[in-house]
């Protein structure tokens, strides 16, 4: 196969993975905001770390496939 044919499939798979992760995160956030569950200590720490990195503008997007 030519490389050009592989790129759209790769991008579609990455987008699907991102969409699935966003749905999962959205569900978690909704549960926390609505108040059905309190965030765990690990989740609270992850949120604080995310906010810190976001304020410092050091966020970097990496392919989800590299996280597995």
C-alpha atoms as a PDB file:
ATOM      1  CA  UNK A   1       0.000   0.000   0.000  1.00  0.00           C
ATOM      2  CA  UNK A   2       1.051   3.507  -0.606  1.00  0.00           C
ATOM      3  CA  UNK A   3       1.745   5.752   2.331  1.00  0.00           C
ATOM      4  CA  UNK A   4      -0.991   8.231   1.303  1.00  0.00           C
ATOM      5  CA  UNK A   5      -3.633   5.542   1.685  1.00  0.00           C
ATOM      6  CA  UNK A   6      -2.516   4.753   5.215  1.00  0.00           C
ATOM      7  CA  UNK A   7      -2.658   8.315   6.525  1.00  0.00           C
ATOM      8  CA  UNK A   8      -6.461   8.810   6.347  1.00  0.00           C
ATOM      9  CA  UNK A   9      -7.044   5.517   8.174  1.00  0.00           C
ATOM     10  CA  UNK A  10      -4.498   6.420  10.811  1.00  0.00           C
ATOM     11  CA  UNK A  11      -6.068   9.841  11.308  1.00  0.00           C
ATOM     12  CA  UNK A  12      -9.575   8.396  11.477  1.00  0.00           C
ATOM     13  CA  UNK A  13      -8.470   5.865  14.087  1.00  0.00           C
ATOM     14  CA  UNK A  14      -6.801   8.588  16.121  1.00  0.00           C
ATOM     15  CA  UNK A  15      -9.909  10.784  15.909  1.00  0.00           C
ATOM     16  CA  UNK A  16     -12.129   7.894  16.990  1.00  0.00           C
ATOM     17  CA  UNK A  17      -9.842   7.198  19.932  1.00  0.00           C
ATOM     18  CA  UNK A  18      -9.885  10.853  20.935  1.00  0.00           C
ATOM     19  CA  UNK A  19     -13.676  10.976  20.639  1.00  0.00           C
ATOM     20  CA  UNK A  20     -14.034   7.893  22.837  1.00  0.00           C
ATOM     21  CA  UNK A  21     -11.694   9.322  25.457  1.00  0.00           C
ATOM     22  CA  UNK A  22     -13.553  12.641  25.416  1.00  0.00           C
ATOM     23  CA  UNK A  23     -16.849  10.830  25.952  1.00  0.00           C
ATOM     24  CA  UNK A  24     -15.369   8.980  28.906  1.00  0.00           C
ATOM     25  CA  UNK A  25     -13.942  12.175  30.384  1.00  0.00           C
ATOM     26  CA  UNK A  26     -17.222  13.975  29.776  1.00  0.00           C
ATOM     27  CA  UNK A  27     -19.107  11.298  31.678  1.00  0.00           C
ATOM     28  CA  UNK A  28     -16.636  11.526  34.569  1.00  0.00           C
ATOM     29  CA  UNK A  29     -16.886  15.319  34.677  1.00  0.00           C
ATOM     30  CA  UNK A  30     -20.661  15.181  34.557  1.00  0.00           C
ATOM     31  CA  UNK A  31     -20.751  12.771  37.490  1.00  0.00           C
ATOM     32  CA  UNK A  32     -18.430  15.006  39.502  1.00  0.00           C
ATOM     33  CA  UNK A  33     -20.161  18.299  38.650  1.00  0.00           C
ATOM     34  CA  UNK A  34     -23.636  16.953  39.281  1.00  0.00           C
ATOM     35  CA  UNK A  35     -22.359  15.714  42.598  1.00  0.00           C
ATOM     36  CA  UNK A  36     -23.129  12.033  42.319  1.00  0.00           C
ATOM     37  CA  UNK A  37     -19.531  11.193  43.172  1.00  0.00           C
ATOM     38  CA  UNK A  38     -16.596  13.018  44.671  1.00  0.00           C
ATOM     39  CA  UNK A  39     -13.329  12.904  42.753  1.00  0.00           C
ATOM     40  CA  UNK A  40     -10.805  10.437  44.062  1.00  0.00           C
ATOM     41  CA  UNK A  41      -7.500  11.707  45.430  1.00  0.00           C
ATOM     42  CA  UNK A  42      -5.760  10.616  42.213  1.00  0.00           C
ATOM     43  CA  UNK A  43      -8.333  12.409  40.061  1.00  0.00           C
ATOM     44  CA  UNK A  44      -8.062  15.584  42.136  1.00  0.00           C
ATOM     45  CA  UNK A  45      -4.268  15.508  41.789  1.00  0.00           C
ATOM     46  CA  UNK A  46      -4.542  14.907  38.027  1.00  0.00           C
ATOM     47  CA  UNK A  47      -6.903  17.875  37.696  1.00  0.00           C
ATOM     48  CA  UNK A  48      -4.523  20.123  39.642  1.00  0.00           C
ATOM     49  CA  UNK A  49      -1.576  18.997  37.511  1.00  0.00           C
ATOM     50  CA  UNK A  50      -3.554  19.579  34.304  1.00  0.00           C
ATOM     51  CA  UNK A  51      -4.535  23.089  35.406  1.00  0.00           C
ATOM     52  CA  UNK A  52      -0.932  23.896  36.304  1.00  0.00           C
ATOM     53  CA  UNK A  53       0.413  22.697  32.945  1.00  0.00           C
ATOM     54  CA  UNK A  54      -2.388  24.455  31.070  1.00  0.00           C
ATOM     55  CA  UNK A  55      -1.613  27.774  32.765  1.00  0.00           C
ATOM     56  CA  UNK A  56       2.066  27.369  31.863  1.00  0.00           C
ATOM     57  CA  UNK A  57       1.018  26.585  28.265  1.00  0.00           C
ATOM     58  CA  UNK A  58       3.100  23.420  28.185  1.00  0.00           C
ATOM     59  CA  UNK A  59       0.420  21.046  26.907  1.00  0.00           C
ATOM     60  CA  UNK A  60       1.498  18.769  24.092  1.00  0.00           C
ATOM     61  CA  UNK A  61      -0.715  16.565  21.944  1.00  0.00           C
ATOM     62  CA  UNK A  62       0.593  13.084  21.292  1.00  0.00           C
ATOM     63  CA  UNK A  63      -1.033  10.204  19.442  1.00  0.00           C
ATOM     64  CA  UNK A  64      -3.149   8.020  21.710  1.00  0.00           C
ATOM     65  CA  UNK A  65      -1.542   4.968  20.153  1.00  0.00           C
ATOM     66  CA  UNK A  66       1.696   5.926  21.894  1.00  0.00           C
ATOM     67  CA  UNK A  67      -0.021   5.863  25.295  1.00  0.00           C
ATOM     68  CA  UNK A  68      -1.009   2.205  25.112  1.00  0.00           C
END
